[in-house]
Amino acid sequence: MVKKLSKLGQVRKRPELVPLLDRLSQVLPAGTLDSVEKAFGTRRNTTFRLNTLKCDNEFETMQSLDDWIQTLPKSKKGAKAVRCPWARNAFTVSDASIGVKHLIDCPAHKAGKIHFQSLSSMIPPLCMSVKPGGRALDMCAAPGGKTAMIAELMGGRGQLVANELDRERFDKLRFIVSCLLPDEKLPMVDFRCVDGRKLTLVPPISTQDSELQSFAQDASDLGTAKSPETSTHSTALSGTFDAILLDAPCPHPTLLASLTALLHLHDPSDLAADAVCYFRQRRRNHLNLESGKLPTLVAWLGQKTRGVAT
């Protein structure tokens, strides 16, 4: 008689996870590793956030979403969206069998009032402490969920530079942000499609030099909608930023999944505080490992601004 493998045993047999689990076994305590492995075998609940830039009535939006969930054939009785304890506008669908594909056609999503986004990706914008009317830079902005969230935290006011190197991901970035921001708020976002390491601050120009002043003014028009030919490939940035987000793409999707799985190890009330410590440690480690090799923009602005550069 062949004994059926447990969920944990099935996870350990998945060939794509073997190298990762072997590596994690060298750096994680046994108990923590077991939790990570169990997370790989557990279906993650669908999560989303309320987009307050388009949602003017939270009660009606959430009621319509809960009604939609109840109409789904596979929905369990009493399934609904549950508010996240550490982020007011973040929600988790209580029934793990309900995926994004089941909710993508609901009116709230089609209207841009909700956006499906992992809880882990909501943490960096919350750590930035951006304010309405400020200036922020998202150096690796695609696919756009965090960028739109930053714009929301800024109240749809101010100047936000959203940069993405990869052209295909850049197009997705523009599409998602345009879906989540009202038309009148879109000019606050300056989309760039350049290598973030080449972004350069344009220093203040003397008013006596009209030609240089004109060039600086062109580079500083961050809040003005411009054609792709004149703005998206420019590396010039004028002025400093209140906050900078450098959430570089993970080099391996399996590693990204493992980091997301670590969320299962935290008490929700401690998650935000732990995340702040995590990002600060990442920044210190990066500075130690890459001393002398950091891009000029990050190195200089890291000393001049109050933002988060991770």
C-alpha atoms as a PDB file:
ATOM      1  CA  MET A   1       0.000   0.000   0.000  1.00  0.00           C
ATOM      2  CA  VAL A   2       1.394   3.366  -1.072  1.00  0.00           C
ATOM      3  CA  LYS A   3       1.124   5.954   1.655  1.00  0.00           C
ATOM      4  CA  LYS A   4      -0.188   9.307   0.453  1.00  0.00           C
ATOM      5  CA  LEU A   5       2.151  12.193   1.103  1.00  0.00           C
ATOM      6  CA  SER A   6       1.037  14.941   3.478  1.00  0.00           C
ATOM      7  CA  LYS A   7       0.767  18.487   2.174  1.00  0.00           C
ATOM      8  CA  LEU A   8       4.159  19.244   3.708  1.00  0.00           C
ATOM      9  CA  GLY A   9       5.641  16.162   2.095  1.00  0.00           C
ATOM     10  CA  GLN A  10       4.205  17.185  -1.273  1.00  0.00           C
ATOM     11  CA  VAL A  11       5.787  20.604  -0.939  1.00  0.00           C
ATOM     12  CA  ARG A  12       9.203  19.086  -0.207  1.00  0.00           C
ATOM     13  CA  LYS A  13       8.894  16.926  -3.327  1.00  0.00           C
ATOM     14  CA  ARG A  14       8.182  19.823  -5.698  1.00  0.00           C
ATOM     15  CA  PRO A  15      11.326  19.993  -7.885  1.00  0.00           C
ATOM     16  CA  GLU A  16      11.140  23.765  -8.407  1.00  0.00           C
ATOM     17  CA  LEU A  17      11.276  24.309  -4.629  1.00  0.00           C
ATOM     18  CA  VAL A  18      14.057  21.872  -3.737  1.00  0.00           C
ATOM     19  CA  PRO A  19      16.999  24.284  -4.399  1.00  0.00           C
ATOM     20  CA  LEU A  20      15.266  27.084  -2.510  1.00  0.00           C
ATOM     21  CA  LEU A  21      14.351  24.912   0.480  1.00  0.00           C
ATOM     22  CA  ASP A  22      17.894  23.530   0.616  1.00  0.00           C
ATOM     23  CA  ARG A  23      19.248  27.057   0.729  1.00  0.00           C
ATOM     24  CA  LEU A  24      16.714  28.217   3.330  1.00  0.00           C
ATOM     25  CA  SER A  25      17.547  25.211   5.516  1.00  0.00           C
ATOM     26  CA  GLN A  26      21.060  26.657   5.853  1.00  0.00           C
ATOM     27  CA  VAL A  27      19.926  30.073   7.074  1.00  0.00           C
ATOM     28  CA  LEU A  28      16.584  29.562   8.855  1.00  0.00           C
ATOM     29  CA  PRO A  29      15.803  27.830  12.159  1.00  0.00           C
ATOM     30  CA  ALA A  30      14.015  24.490  11.775  1.00  0.00           C
ATOM     31  CA  GLY A  31      10.702  25.793  13.118  1.00  0.00           C
ATOM     32  CA  THR A  32      10.718  28.769  10.769  1.00  0.00           C
ATOM     33  CA  LEU A  33      11.593  26.586   7.787  1.00  0.00           C
ATOM     34  CA  ASP A  34       8.659  24.292   8.566  1.00  0.00           C
ATOM     35  CA  SER A  35       6.327  27.304   8.585  1.00  0.00           C
ATOM     36  CA  VAL A  36       7.653  28.462   5.208  1.00  0.00           C
ATOM     37  CA  GLU A  37       7.187  24.999   3.726  1.00  0.00           C
ATOM     38  CA  LYS A  38       3.638  24.784   5.061  1.00  0.00           C
ATOM     39  CA  ALA A  39       2.876  28.193   3.555  1.00  0.00           C
ATOM     40  CA  PHE A  40       3.852  26.888   0.112  1.00  0.00           C
ATOM     41  CA  GLY A  41       1.227  24.187   0.484  1.00  0.00           C
ATOM     42  CA  THR A  42      -1.483  26.588   1.637  1.00  0.00           C
ATOM     43  CA  ARG A  43      -3.675  28.503  -0.770  1.00  0.00           C
ATOM     44  CA  ARG A  44      -3.306  32.228  -0.140  1.00  0.00           C
ATOM     45  CA  ASN A  45      -6.471  34.238   0.389  1.00  0.00           C
ATOM     46  CA  THR A  46      -7.247  36.906  -2.179  1.00  0.00           C
ATOM     47  CA  THR A  47      -6.345  40.379  -0.947  1.00  0.00           C
ATOM     48  CA  PHE A  48      -7.129  43.836  -2.271  1.00  0.00           C
ATOM     49  CA  ARG A  49      -7.166  47.446  -1.226  1.00  0.00           C
ATOM     50  CA  LEU A  50      -9.845  50.102  -1.422  1.00  0.00           C
ATOM     51  CA  ASN A  51      -8.887  52.888  -3.837  1.00  0.00           C
ATOM     52  CA  THR A  52     -10.053  56.051  -2.092  1.00  0.00           C
ATOM     53  CA  LEU A  53      -9.225  58.211  -5.124  1.00  0.00           C
ATOM     54  CA  LYS A  54     -12.196  56.657  -6.934  1.00  0.00           C
ATOM     55  CA  CYS A  55     -14.286  55.257  -4.085  1.00  0.00           C
ATOM     56  CA  ASP A  56     -16.360  57.979  -2.434  1.00  0.00           C
ATOM     57  CA  ASN A  57     -18.650  55.625  -0.493  1.00  0.00           C
ATOM     58  CA  GLU A  58     -16.850  52.785   1.270  1.00  0.00           C
ATOM     59  CA  PHE A  59     -19.996  51.193   2.686  1.00  0.00           C
ATOM     60  CA  GLU A  60     -21.738  50.880  -0.690  1.00  0.00           C
ATOM     61  CA  THR A  61     -18.586  49.601  -2.389  1.00  0.00           C
ATOM     62  CA  MET A  62     -17.919  46.917   0.212  1.00  0.00           C
ATOM     63  CA  GLN A  63     -21.586  45.935   0.366  1.00  0.00           C
ATOM     64  CA  SER A  64     -21.713  45.435  -3.403  1.00  0.00           C
ATOM     65  CA  LEU A  65     -18.524  43.358  -3.247  1.00  0.00           C
ATOM     66  CA  ASP A  66     -19.860  41.144  -0.430  1.00  0.00           C
ATOM     67  CA  ASP A  67     -23.093  40.684  -2.389  1.00  0.00           C
ATOM     68  CA  TRP A  68     -21.049  39.619  -5.418  1.00  0.00           C
ATOM     69  CA  ILE A  69     -19.100  37.108  -3.319  1.00  0.00           C
ATOM     70  CA  GLN A  70     -22.347  35.562  -2.063  1.00  0.00           C
ATOM     71  CA  THR A  71     -23.577  35.024  -5.628  1.00  0.00           C
ATOM     72  CA  LEU A  72     -20.535  32.942  -6.552  1.00  0.00           C
ATOM     73  CA  PRO A  73     -21.410  29.233  -6.920  1.00  0.00           C
ATOM     74  CA  LYS A  74     -18.349  28.070  -4.964  1.00  0.00           C
ATOM     75  CA  SER A  75     -18.594  30.690  -2.231  1.00  0.00           C
ATOM     76  CA  LYS A  76     -18.873  29.362   1.308  1.00  0.00           C
ATOM     77  CA  LYS A  77     -21.728  30.581   3.455  1.00  0.00           C
ATOM     78  CA  GLY A  78     -20.782  33.801   5.229  1.00  0.00           C
ATOM     79  CA  ALA A  79     -17.762  34.487   3.003  1.00  0.00           C
ATOM     80  CA  LYS A  80     -16.913  38.175   2.901  1.00  0.00           C
ATOM     81  CA  ALA A  81     -14.115  40.730   2.748  1.00  0.00           C
ATOM     82  CA  VAL A  82     -12.388  41.217   6.113  1.00  0.00           C
ATOM     83  CA  ARG A  83     -10.479  44.409   6.914  1.00  0.00           C
ATOM     84  CA  CYS A  84      -6.746  44.057   7.546  1.00  0.00           C
ATOM     85  CA  PRO A  85      -5.890  44.982  11.171  1.00  0.00           C
ATOM     86  CA  TRP A  86      -2.809  47.036  10.282  1.00  0.00           C
ATOM     87  CA  ALA A  87      -3.952  48.819   7.086  1.00  0.00           C
ATOM     88  CA  ARG A  88      -7.391  50.386   7.064  1.00  0.00           C
ATOM     89  CA  ASN A  89      -7.982  50.168   3.312  1.00  0.00           C
ATOM     90  CA  ALA A  90      -6.634  46.619   2.905  1.00  0.00           C
ATOM     91  CA  PHE A  91      -8.949  43.595   2.877  1.00  0.00           C
ATOM     92  CA  THR A  92      -8.756  39.798   2.739  1.00  0.00           C
ATOM     93  CA  VAL A  93     -11.450  37.565   1.258  1.00  0.00           C
ATOM     94  CA  SER A  94     -12.297  35.096   4.036  1.00  0.00           C
ATOM     95  CA  ASP A  95     -12.880  32.160   1.656  1.00  0.00           C
ATOM     96  CA  ALA A  96      -9.524  31.024   0.226  1.00  0.00           C
ATOM     97  CA  SER A  97     -11.261  29.225  -2.652  1.00  0.00           C
ATOM     98  CA  ILE A  98     -12.337  32.582  -4.124  1.00  0.00           C
ATOM     99  CA  GLY A  99      -9.593  33.848  -6.408  1.00  0.00           C
ATOM    100  CA  VAL A 100      -9.068  37.057  -8.345  1.00  0.00           C
ATOM    101  CA  LYS A 101     -10.600  35.413 -11.426  1.00  0.00           C
ATOM    102  CA  HIS A 102     -13.900  35.139  -9.558  1.00  0.00           C
ATOM    103  CA  LEU A 103     -13.962  38.822  -8.607  1.00  0.00           C
ATOM    104  CA  ILE A 104     -12.368  40.539 -11.589  1.00  0.00           C
ATOM    105  CA  ASP A 105     -15.721  41.291 -13.240  1.00  0.00           C
ATOM    106  CA  CYS A 106     -17.386  42.740 -10.144  1.00  0.00           C
ATOM    107  CA  PRO A 107     -18.562  46.375 -10.562  1.00  0.00           C
ATOM    108  CA  ALA A 108     -16.217  47.687  -7.854  1.00  0.00           C
ATOM    109  CA  HIS A 109     -13.142  46.375  -9.705  1.00  0.00           C
ATOM    110  CA  LYS A 110     -14.318  47.505 -13.128  1.00  0.00           C
ATOM    111  CA  ALA A 111     -14.822  51.009 -11.752  1.00  0.00           C
ATOM    112  CA  GLY A 112     -11.306  51.073 -10.276  1.00  0.00           C
ATOM    113  CA  LYS A 113     -12.647  51.318  -6.726  1.00  0.00           C
ATOM    114  CA  ILE A 114     -10.681  48.269  -5.573  1.00  0.00           C
ATOM    115  CA  HIS A 115      -7.310  46.910  -6.690  1.00  0.00           C
ATOM    116  CA  PHE A 116      -6.129  43.339  -6.154  1.00  0.00           C
ATOM    117  CA  GLN A 117      -2.756  43.519  -4.459  1.00  0.00           C
ATOM    118  CA  SER A 118      -0.777  41.362  -2.046  1.00  0.00           C
ATOM    119  CA  LEU A 119      -0.566  42.585   1.539  1.00  0.00           C
ATOM    120  CA  SER A 120       3.235  42.472   1.393  1.00  0.00           C
ATOM    121  CA  SER A 121       3.322  44.936  -1.515  1.00  0.00           C
ATOM    122  CA  MET A 122       1.190  47.398   0.456  1.00  0.00           C
ATOM    123  CA  ILE A 123       3.831  47.698   3.171  1.00  0.00           C
ATOM    124  CA  PRO A 124       6.507  49.807   1.341  1.00  0.00           C
ATOM    125  CA  PRO A 125       4.169  52.748   0.510  1.00  0.00           C
ATOM    126  CA  LEU A 126       2.949  52.759   4.124  1.00  0.00           C
ATOM    127  CA  CYS A 127       6.569  53.020   5.302  1.00  0.00           C
ATOM    128  CA  MET A 128       7.275  56.078   3.145  1.00  0.00           C
ATOM    129  CA  SER A 129       5.262  58.605   5.189  1.00  0.00           C
ATOM    130  CA  VAL A 130       4.331  60.610   2.093  1.00  0.00           C
ATOM    131  CA  LYS A 131       2.070  63.624   2.510  1.00  0.00           C
ATOM    132  CA  PRO A 132      -0.427  65.397   0.244  1.00  0.00           C
ATOM    133  CA  GLY A 133       1.261  67.932  -1.989  1.00  0.00           C
ATOM    134  CA  GLY A 134       4.724  66.398  -1.563  1.00  0.00           C
ATOM    135  CA  ARG A 135       7.244  64.980  -4.012  1.00  0.00           C
ATOM    136  CA  ALA A 136       8.012  61.268  -4.314  1.00  0.00           C
ATOM    137  CA  LEU A 137      10.020  58.978  -6.580  1.00  0.00           C
ATOM    138  CA  ASP A 138       9.256  55.316  -7.304  1.00  0.00           C
ATOM    139  CA  MET A 139      12.405  54.038  -9.022  1.00  0.00           C
ATOM    140  CA  CYS A 140      11.180  50.527  -9.968  1.00  0.00           C
ATOM    141  CA  ALA A 141       7.478  51.238 -10.325  1.00  0.00           C
ATOM    142  CA  ALA A 142       5.966  48.394 -12.395  1.00  0.00           C
ATOM    143  CA  PRO A 143       3.456  46.862 -12.349  1.00  0.00           C
ATOM    144  CA  GLY A 144       1.928  49.961 -10.718  1.00  0.00           C
ATOM    145  CA  GLY A 145      -0.010  48.901  -7.632  1.00  0.00           C
ATOM    146  CA  LYS A 146       2.452  50.517  -5.221  1.00  0.00           C
ATOM    147  CA  THR A 147       2.730  53.624  -7.429  1.00  0.00           C
ATOM    148  CA  ALA A 148      -1.035  54.129  -7.412  1.00  0.00           C
ATOM    149  CA  MET A 149      -1.068  53.554  -3.662  1.00  0.00           C
ATOM    150  CA  ILE A 150       1.600  56.228  -3.175  1.00  0.00           C
ATOM    151  CA  ALA A 151      -0.508  58.646  -5.243  1.00  0.00           C
ATOM    152  CA  GLU A 152      -3.494  57.766  -3.059  1.00  0.00           C
ATOM    153  CA  LEU A 153      -1.512  58.384   0.148  1.00  0.00           C
ATOM    154  CA  MET A 154      -0.534  61.761  -1.333  1.00  0.00           C
ATOM    155  CA  GLY A 155      -4.210  62.552  -1.716  1.00  0.00           C
ATOM    156  CA  GLY A 156      -3.862  62.819  -5.472  1.00  0.00           C
ATOM    157  CA  ARG A 157      -1.837  66.020  -5.017  1.00  0.00           C
ATOM    158  CA  GLY A 158       1.848  66.730  -5.499  1.00  0.00           C
ATOM    159  CA  GLN A 159       4.438  65.270  -7.868  1.00  0.00           C
ATOM    160  CA  LEU A 160       5.192  61.586  -8.267  1.00  0.00           C
ATOM    161  CA  VAL A 161       7.861  60.254 -10.633  1.00  0.00           C
ATOM    162  CA  ALA A 162       7.202  56.630 -11.625  1.00  0.00           C
ATOM    163  CA  ASN A 163      10.159  54.997 -13.350  1.00  0.00           C
ATOM    164  CA  GLU A 164      10.439  51.552 -14.949  1.00  0.00           C
ATOM    165  CA  LEU A 165      13.315  50.268 -17.085  1.00  0.00           C
ATOM    166  CA  ASP A 166      11.560  47.427 -18.952  1.00  0.00           C
ATOM    167  CA  ARG A 167       9.344  48.712 -21.776  1.00  0.00           C
ATOM    168  CA  GLU A 168       6.721  45.979 -21.506  1.00  0.00           C
ATOM    169  CA  ARG A 169       6.424  46.451 -17.757  1.00  0.00           C
ATOM    170  CA  PHE A 170       6.398  50.220 -18.290  1.00  0.00           C
ATOM    171  CA  ASP A 171       3.312  49.934 -20.519  1.00  0.00           C
ATOM    172  CA  LYS A 172       1.600  47.868 -17.830  1.00  0.00           C
ATOM    173  CA  LEU A 173       2.563  50.479 -15.240  1.00  0.00           C
ATOM    174  CA  ARG A 174       0.918  53.284 -17.214  1.00  0.00           C
ATOM    175  CA  PHE A 175      -2.193  51.204 -17.825  1.00  0.00           C
ATOM    176  CA  ILE A 176      -2.719  50.235 -14.175  1.00  0.00           C
ATOM    177  CA  VAL A 177      -2.064  53.733 -12.831  1.00  0.00           C
ATOM    178  CA  SER A 178      -4.407  55.251 -15.439  1.00  0.00           C
ATOM    179  CA  CYS A 179      -7.125  52.811 -14.325  1.00  0.00           C
ATOM    180  CA  LEU A 180      -6.735  53.658 -10.644  1.00  0.00           C
ATOM    181  CA  LEU A 181      -6.295  57.435 -10.811  1.00  0.00           C
ATOM    182  CA  PRO A 182      -9.112  59.775 -11.892  1.00  0.00           C
ATOM    183  CA  ASP A 183      -8.303  61.628 -15.118  1.00  0.00           C
ATOM    184  CA  GLU A 184      -7.861  64.923 -13.287  1.00  0.00           C
ATOM    185  CA  LYS A 185      -5.245  63.337 -10.974  1.00  0.00           C
ATOM    186  CA  LEU A 186      -3.118  61.670 -13.667  1.00  0.00           C
ATOM    187  CA  PRO A 187      -0.978  64.771 -14.399  1.00  0.00           C
ATOM    188  CA  MET A 188       0.604  64.407 -10.951  1.00  0.00           C
ATOM    189  CA  VAL A 189       2.426  61.280 -12.217  1.00  0.00           C
ATOM    190  CA  ASP A 190       5.505  61.713 -14.387  1.00  0.00           C
ATOM    191  CA  PHE A 191       6.204  58.374 -16.107  1.00  0.00           C
ATOM    192  CA  ARG A 192       9.819  57.557 -16.965  1.00  0.00           C
ATOM    193  CA  CYS A 193      11.181  54.553 -18.856  1.00  0.00           C
ATOM    194  CA  VAL A 194      14.906  54.716 -18.095  1.00  0.00           C
ATOM    195  CA  ASP A 195      17.602  52.923 -16.103  1.00  0.00           C
ATOM    196  CA  GLY A 196      17.091  54.158 -12.553  1.00  0.00           C
ATOM    197  CA  ARG A 197      20.857  54.165 -12.017  1.00  0.00           C
ATOM    198  CA  LYS A 198      21.142  56.964 -14.585  1.00  0.00           C
ATOM    199  CA  LEU A 199      18.578  59.303 -13.058  1.00  0.00           C
ATOM    200  CA  THR A 200      20.354  62.588 -12.395  1.00  0.00           C
ATOM    201  CA  LEU A 201      19.448  65.619 -10.322  1.00  0.00           C
ATOM    202  CA  VAL A 202      19.598  68.915 -12.167  1.00  0.00           C
ATOM    203  CA  PRO A 203      21.182  71.480  -9.787  1.00  0.00           C
ATOM    204  CA  PRO A 204      19.629  74.912  -9.269  1.00  0.00           C
ATOM    205  CA  ILE A 205      20.499  77.217 -12.183  1.00  0.00           C
ATOM    206  CA  SER A 206      21.346  80.878 -11.893  1.00  0.00           C
ATOM    207  CA  THR A 207      18.585  83.141 -13.230  1.00  0.00           C
ATOM    208  CA  GLN A 208      21.275  85.037 -15.147  1.00  0.00           C
ATOM    209  CA  ASP A 209      21.760  82.118 -17.529  1.00  0.00           C
ATOM    210  CA  SER A 210      18.501  82.048 -19.474  1.00  0.00           C
ATOM    211  CA  GLU A 211      19.460  79.065 -21.649  1.00  0.00           C
ATOM    212  CA  LEU A 212      20.362  76.833 -18.686  1.00  0.00           C
ATOM    213  CA  GLN A 213      17.350  78.091 -16.764  1.00  0.00           C
ATOM    214  CA  SER A 214      15.106  77.040 -19.641  1.00  0.00           C
ATOM    215  CA  PHE A 215      16.704  73.576 -19.652  1.00  0.00           C
ATOM    216  CA  ALA A 216      16.211  73.221 -15.894  1.00  0.00           C
ATOM    217  CA  GLN A 217      12.582  74.281 -16.218  1.00  0.00           C
ATOM    218  CA  ASP A 218      11.984  71.632 -18.879  1.00  0.00           C
ATOM    219  CA  ALA A 219      13.493  69.007 -16.580  1.00  0.00           C
ATOM    220  CA  SER A 220      11.457  70.117 -13.588  1.00  0.00           C
ATOM    221  CA  ASP A 221       8.003  69.989 -15.192  1.00  0.00           C
ATOM    222  CA  LEU A 222       7.187  66.788 -13.316  1.00  0.00           C
ATOM    223  CA  GLY A 223       3.495  67.442 -12.972  1.00  0.00           C
ATOM    224  CA  THR A 224       2.798  68.333 -16.597  1.00  0.00           C
ATOM    225  CA  ALA A 225       1.566  65.690 -19.010  1.00  0.00           C
ATOM    226  CA  LYS A 226       4.049  65.385 -21.897  1.00  0.00           C
ATOM    227  CA  SER A 227       4.405  63.138 -24.905  1.00  0.00           C
ATOM    228  CA  PRO A 228       6.405  59.898 -24.491  1.00  0.00           C
ATOM    229  CA  GLU A 229       9.079  61.236 -26.832  1.00  0.00           C
ATOM    230  CA  THR A 230       9.852  64.262 -24.651  1.00  0.00           C
ATOM    231  CA  SER A 231       9.476  62.915 -21.121  1.00  0.00           C
ATOM    232  CA  THR A 232       9.609  59.147 -20.657  1.00  0.00           C
ATOM    233  CA  HIS A 233      13.248  58.801 -21.767  1.00  0.00           C
ATOM    234  CA  SER A 234      14.620  61.784 -19.859  1.00  0.00           C
ATOM    235  CA  THR A 235      16.981  61.021 -16.968  1.00  0.00           C
ATOM    236  CA  ALA A 236      16.964  64.579 -15.570  1.00  0.00           C
ATOM    237  CA  LEU A 237      15.193  65.279 -12.287  1.00  0.00           C
ATOM    238  CA  SER A 238      14.942  68.698 -10.706  1.00  0.00           C
ATOM    239  CA  GLY A 239      14.780  69.217  -6.960  1.00  0.00           C
ATOM    240  CA  THR A 240      14.836  66.758  -4.069  1.00  0.00           C
ATOM    241  CA  PHE A 241      12.132  64.345  -2.960  1.00  0.00           C
ATOM    242  CA  ASP A 242      10.305  63.912   0.321  1.00  0.00           C
ATOM    243  CA  ALA A 243      10.350  60.139  -0.153  1.00  0.00           C
ATOM    244  CA  ILE A 244      12.019  57.637  -2.469  1.00  0.00           C
ATOM    245  CA  LEU A 245      10.992  54.032  -2.971  1.00  0.00           C
ATOM    246  CA  LEU A 246      13.473  51.593  -4.480  1.00  0.00           C
ATOM    247  CA  ASP A 247      11.731  48.229  -4.268  1.00  0.00           C
ATOM    248  CA  ALA A 248      13.894  46.408  -6.795  1.00  0.00           C
ATOM    249  CA  PRO A 249      12.387  43.388  -8.624  1.00  0.00           C
ATOM    250  CA  CYS A 250      13.128  40.060  -6.968  1.00  0.00           C
ATOM    251  CA  PRO A 251      15.652  38.021  -9.018  1.00  0.00           C
ATOM    252  CA  HIS A 252      13.635  34.822  -8.676  1.00  0.00           C
ATOM    253  CA  PRO A 253       9.838  34.399  -8.423  1.00  0.00           C
ATOM    254  CA  THR A 254      10.190  31.405  -6.093  1.00  0.00           C
ATOM    255  CA  LEU A 255      12.181  33.517  -3.628  1.00  0.00           C
ATOM    256  CA  LEU A 256       9.490  36.182  -3.832  1.00  0.00           C
ATOM    257  CA  ALA A 257       6.880  33.571  -2.964  1.00  0.00           C
ATOM    258  CA  SER A 258       8.934  32.468   0.035  1.00  0.00           C
ATOM    259  CA  LEU A 259       9.113  36.026   1.373  1.00  0.00           C
ATOM    260  CA  THR A 260       5.367  36.356   0.989  1.00  0.00           C
ATOM    261  CA  ALA A 261       4.984  33.066   2.845  1.00  0.00           C
ATOM    262  CA  LEU A 262       6.850  34.552   5.802  1.00  0.00           C
ATOM    263  CA  LEU A 263       3.817  36.750   6.434  1.00  0.00           C
ATOM    264  CA  HIS A 264       2.194  33.679   7.953  1.00  0.00           C
ATOM    265  CA  LEU A 265       4.783  33.782  10.743  1.00  0.00           C
ATOM    266  CA  HIS A 266       3.765  37.217  12.039  1.00  0.00           C
ATOM    267  CA  ASP A 267       1.056  38.333  14.349  1.00  0.00           C
ATOM    268  CA  PRO A 268      -0.916  40.905  12.259  1.00  0.00           C
ATOM    269  CA  SER A 269      -0.614  43.574  14.951  1.00  0.00           C
ATOM    270  CA  ASP A 270       3.191  43.350  14.810  1.00  0.00           C
ATOM    271  CA  LEU A 271       3.558  43.105  11.039  1.00  0.00           C
ATOM    272  CA  ALA A 272       3.850  46.800  10.208  1.00  0.00           C
ATOM    273  CA  ALA A 273       6.458  47.423  12.924  1.00  0.00           C
ATOM    274  CA  ASP A 274       8.434  44.340  11.853  1.00  0.00           C
ATOM    275  CA  ALA A 275       8.297  45.513   8.243  1.00  0.00           C
ATOM    276  CA  VAL A 276       9.841  48.877   9.111  1.00  0.00           C
ATOM    277  CA  CYS A 277      12.739  47.099  10.855  1.00  0.00           C
ATOM    278  CA  TYR A 278      13.101  44.762   7.874  1.00  0.00           C
ATOM    279  CA  PHE A 279      13.364  47.581   5.329  1.00  0.00           C
ATOM    280  CA  ARG A 280      15.806  49.532   7.489  1.00  0.00           C
ATOM    281  CA  GLN A 281      18.018  46.451   7.851  1.00  0.00           C
ATOM    282  CA  ARG A 282      17.872  45.833   4.104  1.00  0.00           C
ATOM    283  CA  ARG A 283      19.025  49.382   3.492  1.00  0.00           C
ATOM    284  CA  ARG A 284      21.943  49.058   5.942  1.00  0.00           C
ATOM    285  CA  ASN A 285      23.010  45.754   4.417  1.00  0.00           C
ATOM    286  CA  HIS A 286      22.814  47.192   0.911  1.00  0.00           C
ATOM    287  CA  LEU A 287      24.963  50.155   1.846  1.00  0.00           C
ATOM    288  CA  ASN A 288      27.544  47.854   3.460  1.00  0.00           C
ATOM    289  CA  LEU A 289      27.707  45.408   0.559  1.00  0.00           C
ATOM    290  CA  GLU A 290      27.639  47.950  -2.225  1.00  0.00           C
ATOM    291  CA  SER A 291      29.688  50.742  -0.664  1.00  0.00           C
ATOM    292  CA  GLY A 292      31.069  52.963  -3.391  1.00  0.00           C
ATOM    293  CA  LYS A 293      28.884  51.363  -6.063  1.00  0.00           C
ATOM    294  CA  LEU A 294      25.512  52.928  -5.310  1.00  0.00           C
ATOM    295  CA  PRO A 295      23.952  55.100  -8.005  1.00  0.00           C
ATOM    296  CA  THR A 296      24.691  58.777  -7.465  1.00  0.00           C
ATOM    297  CA  LEU A 297      21.015  59.623  -7.150  1.00  0.00           C
ATOM    298  CA  VAL A 298      20.347  57.142  -4.339  1.00  0.00           C
ATOM    299  CA  ALA A 299      23.558  57.916  -2.470  1.00  0.00           C
ATOM    300  CA  TRP A 300      22.996  61.673  -2.568  1.00  0.00           C
ATOM    301  CA  LEU A 301      19.264  61.720  -1.909  1.00  0.00           C
ATOM    302  CA  GLY A 302      19.599  59.133   0.842  1.00  0.00           C
ATOM    303  CA  GLN A 303      21.383  61.824   2.854  1.00  0.00           C
ATOM    304  CA  LYS A 304      19.218  64.748   1.786  1.00  0.00           C
ATOM    305  CA  THR A 305      15.684  63.375   2.097  1.00  0.00           C
ATOM    306  CA  ARG A 306      13.486  61.772   4.719  1.00  0.00           C
ATOM    307  CA  GLY A 307      12.310  59.022   2.356  1.00  0.00           C
ATOM    308  CA  VAL A 308      12.783  55.275   2.319  1.00  0.00           C
ATOM    309  CA  ALA A 309      15.429  53.951  -0.060  1.00  0.00           C
ATOM    310  CA  THR A 310      15.491  50.168   0.153  1.00  0.00           C
END
